[in-house]
């Protein structure tokens, strides 16, 4: 945490700020390690302060060991005001993308002795590059998800509903140590596979249908994300095999092209060109990938309009897809970490078109 606080202090100097307040729960945890649901982090050049209420004082002292923990009473803003005055803060940054207009108005009224300055995703941008402890935690989340997919291959049978399969995935993950699912799982069978976000329904899975699975878990607050496909009780048709091989070729080529210094748009284009050349360009309509960490969708993005360069330590998904209305769809997704020379694939689940 000390390195993260020091990095944020460097940002304060760049932005000409005396301090910054953080209320976004993910950013608050990232800086302090505090997992409570209520609290404000205040970082200045001299101090790191965590303001919370009586419910969380012991927890805050145990978790936020690099912080001065301050208990507030009925009105947190009054305690914040005292701390800002004590630390002689004159220019205070706040998270423009998180604070409400109502909260901003309160700051203006109660903190009229200082200048409020909106900041844009200062901590979120820091979070794009993961440290070793974060990478280790993400790898464990990925392992749980890989194992869940291996389990479902043995579990699934024709006639089961998508919801039954989804519930089994969630149960398995929680048995293996996950605290929650990362999002509502996609279990999209048959024609429903044409919906990129086709969450599980009461539809029964039939023989000969393709099933797209998009699943992920939360492990120690970090997320995983995996997409794979199965075919139920029959050999794939020529078209099913063709579409699958096209998506797989695009995904492998994009992974092979990843390296520091390239942009998200450049990597996206590698996969998009292969799918377009196969005649399915209009059927791949989302970005190639996204960052994964404390949020299952965060920066950086691999997409057509993303011109930021990739850096070592960034963790992203690579997930091209083809979606054909009235027929179905295929998507293949891995999580990779950018390295000094390219990338390492964290996902280990088989990428064969598995028949079960």
Protein backbone atom coordinates (compact mmCIF):
# COMPACT_ATOMS: atom_id res chain seq x y z
CA UNK A 1 0.00 0.00 0.00
CA UNK A 2 2.88 2.37 0.75
CA UNK A 3 4.02 2.25 -2.89
CA UNK A 4 0.50 3.03 -4.08
CA UNK A 5 0.19 5.98 -1.70
CA UNK A 6 3.60 7.27 -2.85
CA UNK A 7 2.54 6.97 -6.49
CA UNK A 8 -0.64 8.91 -5.77
CA UNK A 9 1.37 11.63 -4.03
CA UNK A 10 3.45 11.97 -7.19
CA UNK A 11 0.18 12.51 -9.07
CA UNK A 12 -0.84 15.22 -6.60
CA UNK A 13 2.35 17.11 -7.40
CA UNK A 14 1.66 16.78 -11.15
CA UNK A 15 -1.89 18.09 -10.64
CA UNK A 16 -0.80 20.87 -8.24
CA UNK A 17 -3.03 19.55 -5.46
CA UNK A 18 -2.48 19.65 -1.69
CA UNK A 19 -4.66 16.59 -1.20
CA UNK A 20 -7.32 14.32 -2.64
CA UNK A 21 -10.37 12.58 -1.18
CA UNK A 22 -11.33 9.09 -2.34
CA UNK A 23 -14.82 7.65 -1.78
CA UNK A 24 -15.02 5.10 -4.61
CA UNK A 25 -15.01 1.75 -2.73
CA UNK A 26 -12.65 0.03 -5.21
CA UNK A 27 -10.17 2.90 -5.13
CA UNK A 28 -10.47 3.19 -1.35
CA UNK A 29 -9.60 -0.50 -0.97
CA UNK A 30 -6.77 -0.27 -3.50
CA UNK A 31 -5.06 2.47 -1.50
CA UNK A 32 -5.82 1.36 2.05
CA UNK A 33 -6.80 -2.31 2.16
CA UNK A 34 -9.97 -1.29 4.03
CA UNK A 35 -12.95 -3.45 3.05
CA UNK A 36 -15.68 -1.65 5.01
CA UNK A 37 -18.59 -0.16 3.15
CA UNK A 38 -18.29 3.38 4.55
CA UNK A 39 -15.28 5.64 4.69
CA UNK A 40 -13.35 8.48 3.10
CA UNK A 41 -9.65 8.33 2.29
CA UNK A 42 -7.73 11.61 2.43
CA UNK A 43 -4.21 11.64 1.00
CA UNK A 44 -1.89 14.63 1.37
CA UNK A 45 1.85 15.02 1.03
CA UNK A 46 2.29 14.44 4.77
CA UNK A 47 -0.46 12.06 5.82
CA UNK A 48 -2.85 9.30 4.80
CA UNK A 49 -6.14 9.51 6.71
CA UNK A 50 -9.13 7.16 6.74
CA UNK A 51 -12.34 8.63 8.14
CA UNK A 52 -15.06 6.13 9.06
CA UNK A 53 -17.76 5.56 11.67
CA UNK A 54 -17.79 3.58 14.92
CA UNK A 55 -18.86 0.34 13.19
CA UNK A 56 -15.56 0.05 11.35
CA UNK A 57 -12.94 1.53 13.67
CA UNK A 58 -11.39 -1.78 14.77
CA UNK A 59 -11.58 -3.13 11.23
CA UNK A 60 -9.98 0.01 9.82
CA UNK A 61 -7.14 -0.09 12.33
CA UNK A 62 -6.48 -3.74 11.46
CA UNK A 63 -6.66 -3.32 7.69
CA UNK A 64 -5.47 0.21 6.93
CA UNK A 65 -2.19 -0.02 8.83
CA UNK A 66 -0.54 2.79 6.83
CA UNK A 67 -3.34 5.23 7.68
CA UNK A 68 -4.36 7.43 10.55
CA UNK A 69 -7.88 6.22 11.33
CA UNK A 70 -10.34 8.91 12.47
CA UNK A 71 -13.85 8.22 13.75
CA UNK A 72 -16.59 10.59 12.67
CA UNK A 73 -19.89 11.27 14.40
CA UNK A 74 -23.26 12.03 12.85
CA UNK A 75 -21.81 14.24 10.11
CA UNK A 76 -18.72 12.94 8.34
CA UNK A 77 -18.28 16.22 6.49
CA UNK A 78 -17.53 18.02 9.78
CA UNK A 79 -14.72 15.57 10.62
CA UNK A 80 -13.38 15.85 7.08
CA UNK A 81 -13.40 19.64 7.42
CA UNK A 82 -11.36 19.47 10.62
CA UNK A 83 -8.78 17.16 9.05
CA UNK A 84 -8.43 19.37 5.98
CA UNK A 85 -7.94 22.44 8.15
CA UNK A 86 -5.44 20.62 10.36
CA UNK A 87 -3.44 19.60 7.30
CA UNK A 88 -3.77 23.10 5.77
CA UNK A 89 -5.18 21.84 2.49
CA UNK A 90 -5.96 24.67 0.08
CA UNK A 91 -6.42 22.76 -3.19
CA UNK A 92 -8.46 19.58 -2.79
CA UNK A 93 -9.03 17.03 -5.54
CA UNK A 94 -12.14 14.85 -5.69
CA UNK A 95 -13.28 12.01 -7.98
CA UNK A 96 -15.45 13.68 -10.59
CA UNK A 97 -16.67 10.36 -12.04
CA UNK A 98 -17.86 9.09 -8.67
CA UNK A 99 -19.15 11.98 -6.52
CA UNK A 100 -22.77 12.99 -7.00
CA UNK A 101 -23.88 16.52 -7.76
CA UNK A 102 -25.54 16.61 -4.33
CA UNK A 103 -22.27 15.61 -2.65
CA UNK A 104 -20.35 18.23 -4.65
CA UNK A 105 -22.77 20.93 -3.49
CA UNK A 106 -22.24 19.87 0.11
CA UNK A 107 -18.48 20.11 -0.33
CA UNK A 108 -18.88 23.60 -1.74
CA UNK A 109 -20.99 24.71 1.23
CA UNK A 110 -19.01 23.08 4.02
CA UNK A 111 -15.48 23.35 2.61
CA UNK A 112 -15.65 26.94 1.42
CA UNK A 113 -12.17 27.69 2.78
CA UNK A 114 -10.47 25.69 0.00
CA UNK A 115 -10.56 25.22 -3.77
CA UNK A 116 -12.30 22.07 -5.03
CA UNK A 117 -10.71 20.57 -8.15
CA UNK A 118 -12.27 17.73 -10.15
CA UNK A 119 -9.92 14.88 -11.08
CA UNK A 120 -10.48 12.30 -13.79
CA UNK A 121 -9.82 8.67 -12.82
CA UNK A 122 -6.47 9.33 -11.12
CA UNK A 123 -6.56 6.12 -9.08
CA UNK A 124 -8.29 4.06 -11.77
CA UNK A 125 -5.44 4.86 -14.14
CA UNK A 126 -2.94 3.69 -11.52
CA UNK A 127 -4.89 0.45 -11.18
CA UNK A 128 -4.35 -0.45 -14.84
CA UNK A 129 -0.85 -1.78 -14.09
CA UNK A 130 -1.00 -4.63 -11.58
CA UNK A 131 1.69 -5.42 -9.03
CA UNK A 132 2.84 -8.94 -8.16
CA UNK A 133 0.33 -9.47 -5.37
CA UNK A 134 -2.55 -8.44 -7.64
CA UNK A 135 -1.35 -10.76 -10.42
CA UNK A 136 -1.14 -13.67 -7.99
CA UNK A 137 -4.68 -13.04 -6.78
CA UNK A 138 -6.06 -12.73 -10.32
CA UNK A 139 -4.32 -15.99 -11.25
CA UNK A 140 -6.13 -17.74 -8.38
CA UNK A 141 -9.46 -16.33 -9.55
CA UNK A 142 -8.68 -17.55 -13.06
CA UNK A 143 -7.83 -21.04 -11.74
CA UNK A 144 -11.18 -21.32 -9.95
CA UNK A 145 -12.94 -20.33 -13.19
CA UNK A 146 -10.92 -22.78 -15.30
CA UNK A 147 -11.80 -25.55 -12.87
CA UNK A 148 -15.47 -24.58 -12.96
CA UNK A 149 -15.55 -24.94 -16.74
CA UNK A 150 -13.82 -28.35 -16.52
CA UNK A 151 -16.47 -29.35 -13.98
CA UNK A 152 -19.38 -28.24 -16.15
CA UNK A 153 -18.10 -30.32 -19.08
CA UNK A 154 -18.68 -33.41 -16.93
CA UNK A 155 -21.93 -32.12 -15.45
CA UNK A 156 -23.98 -30.80 -18.36
CA UNK A 157 -26.58 -33.00 -20.10
CA UNK A 158 -29.25 -32.42 -22.76
CA UNK A 159 -32.51 -31.30 -21.21
CA UNK A 160 -30.93 -29.24 -18.46
CA UNK A 161 -31.93 -25.61 -18.43
CA UNK A 162 -29.42 -22.80 -18.85
CA UNK A 163 -30.26 -21.62 -15.34
CA UNK A 164 -29.54 -25.04 -13.85
CA UNK A 165 -26.11 -25.04 -15.43
CA UNK A 166 -25.44 -21.45 -14.34
CA UNK A 167 -26.35 -22.24 -10.73
CA UNK A 168 -24.04 -25.26 -10.73
CA UNK A 169 -21.18 -23.08 -11.94
CA UNK A 170 -21.77 -20.56 -9.16
CA UNK A 171 -22.05 -23.29 -6.51
CA UNK A 172 -18.82 -24.93 -7.69
CA UNK A 173 -16.90 -21.65 -7.66
CA UNK A 174 -18.01 -20.76 -4.14
CA UNK A 175 -17.02 -24.23 -2.94
CA UNK A 176 -13.55 -23.56 -4.33
CA UNK A 177 -13.12 -20.26 -2.48
CA UNK A 178 -14.80 -17.60 -4.63
CA UNK A 179 -16.74 -14.99 -2.67
CA UNK A 180 -19.14 -14.20 -5.50
CA UNK A 181 -19.69 -14.48 -9.22
CA UNK A 182 -18.11 -11.65 -11.18
CA UNK A 183 -21.27 -11.00 -13.22
CA UNK A 184 -24.48 -12.74 -14.28
CA UNK A 185 -23.17 -15.77 -16.16
CA UNK A 186 -23.90 -16.12 -19.84
CA UNK A 187 -25.18 -19.58 -20.73
CA UNK A 188 -26.55 -19.10 -24.24
CA UNK A 189 -27.63 -22.20 -26.14
CA UNK A 190 -28.65 -22.61 -29.75
CA UNK A 191 -29.96 -19.46 -31.42
CA UNK A 192 -29.56 -17.55 -28.15
CA UNK A 193 -25.80 -17.66 -28.72
CA UNK A 194 -26.30 -14.76 -31.14
CA UNK A 195 -26.79 -12.53 -28.07
CA UNK A 196 -23.35 -11.53 -26.72
CA UNK A 197 -24.93 -10.98 -23.28
CA UNK A 198 -27.41 -13.85 -23.35
CA UNK A 199 -27.69 -14.53 -19.62
CA UNK A 200 -29.06 -17.90 -18.51
CA UNK A 201 -32.80 -18.56 -18.92
CA UNK A 202 -35.23 -21.43 -18.38
CA UNK A 203 -34.56 -22.67 -21.91
CA UNK A 204 -33.66 -26.37 -22.10
CA UNK A 205 -30.37 -27.22 -23.82
CA UNK A 206 -30.96 -29.53 -26.79
CA UNK A 207 -28.83 -32.10 -28.63
CA UNK A 208 -26.76 -30.54 -31.41
CA UNK A 209 -26.84 -27.03 -29.96
CA UNK A 210 -23.80 -24.88 -29.41
CA UNK A 211 -23.62 -23.41 -25.91
CA UNK A 212 -21.59 -20.30 -25.14
CA UNK A 213 -20.42 -19.93 -21.55
CA UNK A 214 -19.14 -16.62 -20.17
CA UNK A 215 -18.27 -16.95 -16.49
CA UNK A 216 -16.06 -15.40 -13.86
CA UNK A 217 -15.63 -15.20 -10.11
CA UNK A 218 -14.49 -12.79 -7.42
CA UNK A 219 -11.60 -14.04 -5.30
CA UNK A 220 -10.20 -11.78 -2.57
CA UNK A 221 -11.92 -8.86 -4.37
CA UNK A 222 -10.26 -9.54 -7.77
CA UNK A 223 -12.12 -10.82 -10.82
CA UNK A 224 -11.76 -13.41 -13.54
CA UNK A 225 -13.47 -13.73 -16.92
CA UNK A 226 -13.65 -16.73 -19.28
CA UNK A 227 -15.65 -17.58 -22.39
CA UNK A 228 -15.79 -21.06 -23.91
CA UNK A 229 -18.14 -23.09 -26.09
CA UNK A 230 -19.54 -26.63 -26.04
CA UNK A 231 -21.64 -28.67 -28.43
CA UNK A 232 -24.19 -31.00 -26.90
CA UNK A 233 -24.52 -34.65 -27.90
CA UNK A 234 -23.52 -34.40 -31.57
CA UNK A 235 -20.61 -33.70 -33.86
CA UNK A 236 -20.39 -30.07 -35.00
CA UNK A 237 -21.82 -29.17 -38.36
CA UNK A 238 -19.58 -27.79 -41.09
CA UNK A 239 -20.74 -24.24 -40.37
CA UNK A 240 -20.35 -24.60 -36.60
CA UNK A 241 -16.78 -25.79 -37.13
CA UNK A 242 -16.04 -23.03 -39.65
CA UNK A 243 -17.27 -20.22 -37.43
CA UNK A 244 -15.46 -21.66 -34.42
CA UNK A 245 -12.15 -21.98 -36.27
CA UNK A 246 -12.46 -18.41 -37.56
CA UNK A 247 -12.93 -17.02 -34.06
CA UNK A 248 -10.11 -19.17 -32.69
CA UNK A 249 -7.72 -18.05 -35.44
CA UNK A 250 -8.57 -14.40 -34.72
CA UNK A 251 -8.10 -14.85 -31.00
CA UNK A 252 -4.74 -16.62 -31.27
CA UNK A 253 -3.43 -14.04 -33.76
CA UNK A 254 -4.44 -11.16 -31.48
CA UNK A 255 -2.73 -12.76 -28.48
CA UNK A 256 0.40 -13.32 -30.53
CA UNK A 257 0.39 -9.64 -31.58
CA UNK A 258 0.22 -8.24 -28.03
CA UNK A 259 3.31 -6.43 -26.78
CA UNK A 260 4.13 -3.26 -24.85
CA UNK A 261 3.88 -0.09 -26.88
CA UNK A 262 1.08 -1.29 -29.11
CA UNK A 263 -2.34 0.26 -28.72
CA UNK A 264 -5.64 -1.40 -27.98
CA UNK A 265 -6.81 -0.41 -31.46
CA UNK A 266 -3.86 -2.14 -33.12
CA UNK A 267 -4.55 -5.43 -31.32
CA UNK A 268 -8.27 -5.20 -32.03
CA UNK A 269 -7.53 -4.73 -35.73
CA UNK A 270 -5.53 -7.97 -35.93
CA UNK A 271 -8.53 -10.04 -34.88
CA UNK A 272 -11.03 -7.92 -36.80
CA UNK A 273 -9.21 -8.34 -40.11
CA UNK A 274 -9.27 -12.14 -39.85
CA UNK A 275 -12.97 -12.21 -39.06
CA UNK A 276 -13.72 -9.71 -41.84
CA UNK A 277 -11.74 -11.68 -44.41
CA UNK A 278 -13.80 -14.76 -43.50
CA UNK A 279 -16.97 -12.81 -44.33
CA UNK A 280 -18.15 -12.12 -40.79
CA UNK A 281 -16.94 -8.57 -40.24
CA UNK A 282 -20.44 -7.21 -39.61
CA UNK A 283 -21.04 -9.95 -37.04
CA UNK A 284 -18.20 -8.92 -34.69
CA UNK A 285 -19.55 -5.69 -33.27
CA UNK A 286 -17.93 -5.29 -29.84
CA UNK A 287 -14.39 -4.49 -28.78
CA UNK A 288 -11.77 -7.21 -28.56
CA UNK A 289 -11.16 -6.97 -24.83
CA UNK A 290 -11.02 -5.07 -21.57
CA UNK A 291 -8.97 -4.79 -18.42
CA UNK A 292 -9.70 -7.03 -15.42
CA UNK A 293 -8.86 -6.39 -11.77
CA UNK A 294 -10.90 -5.03 -8.88
CA UNK A 295 -13.59 -4.54 -11.51
CA UNK A 296 -14.39 -7.15 -14.11
CA UNK A 297 -14.52 -4.39 -16.74
CA UNK A 298 -11.88 -1.71 -16.32
CA UNK A 299 -9.03 -0.15 -18.27
CA UNK A 300 -7.27 -0.65 -20.56
CA UNK A 301 -9.53 -1.49 -23.50
CA UNK A 302 -8.73 -3.34 -26.68
CA UNK A 303 -11.05 -1.67 -29.16
CA UNK A 304 -11.09 0.25 -32.44
CA UNK A 305 -10.93 3.72 -30.91
CA UNK A 306 -8.45 3.06 -28.08
CA UNK A 307 -5.07 4.70 -28.77
CA UNK A 308 -3.39 4.27 -25.37
CA UNK A 309 -0.26 2.14 -25.38
CA UNK A 310 -0.18 -1.15 -23.50
CA UNK A 311 2.30 -1.47 -20.63
CA UNK A 312 3.81 -4.44 -18.77
CA UNK A 313 1.63 -5.48 -15.85
CA UNK A 314 -1.66 -4.65 -17.54
CA UNK A 315 -4.21 -7.48 -17.50
CA UNK A 316 -6.70 -7.74 -20.36
CA UNK A 317 -9.17 -10.14 -21.92
CA UNK A 318 -8.92 -11.17 -25.57
CA UNK A 319 -12.40 -12.18 -26.74
CA UNK A 320 -13.38 -11.96 -30.40
CA UNK A 321 -16.81 -13.26 -31.34
CA UNK A 322 -19.15 -13.92 -34.25
CA UNK A 323 -22.91 -13.59 -33.69
CA UNK A 324 -25.42 -14.67 -36.34
CA UNK A 325 -29.05 -13.85 -35.66
CA UNK A 326 -31.27 -16.91 -36.03
CA UNK A 327 -28.28 -19.27 -35.91
CA UNK A 328 -26.17 -18.69 -32.81
CA UNK A 329 -22.74 -17.43 -31.90
CA UNK A 330 -19.17 -18.18 -30.86
CA UNK A 331 -16.86 -16.24 -28.54
CA UNK A 332 -13.50 -17.34 -27.12
CA UNK A 333 -11.98 -15.40 -24.24
CA UNK A 334 -8.73 -15.63 -22.29
CA UNK A 335 -7.13 -13.36 -19.71
CA UNK A 336 -3.54 -12.32 -20.46
CA UNK A 337 -0.97 -10.18 -18.67
CA UNK A 338 1.27 -7.87 -20.68
CA UNK A 339 4.98 -8.64 -20.18
CA UNK A 340 8.18 -6.89 -21.28
CA UNK A 341 8.28 -8.97 -24.48
CA UNK A 342 4.67 -9.87 -25.20
CA UNK A 343 2.08 -11.44 -22.94
CA UNK A 344 1.45 -14.48 -20.77
CA UNK A 345 -1.87 -16.30 -20.96
CA UNK A 346 -3.32 -16.83 -17.49
CA UNK A 347 -6.28 -18.93 -18.68
CA UNK A 348 -5.69 -22.67 -19.05
CA UNK A 349 -9.15 -24.01 -19.98
CA UNK A 350 -9.19 -25.98 -23.24
CA UNK A 351 -10.03 -24.02 -26.38
CA UNK A 352 -11.22 -27.03 -28.36
CA UNK A 353 -14.83 -27.12 -29.52
CA UNK A 354 -15.71 -29.78 -26.97
CA UNK A 355 -18.48 -32.29 -27.65
CA UNK A 356 -20.24 -33.49 -24.51
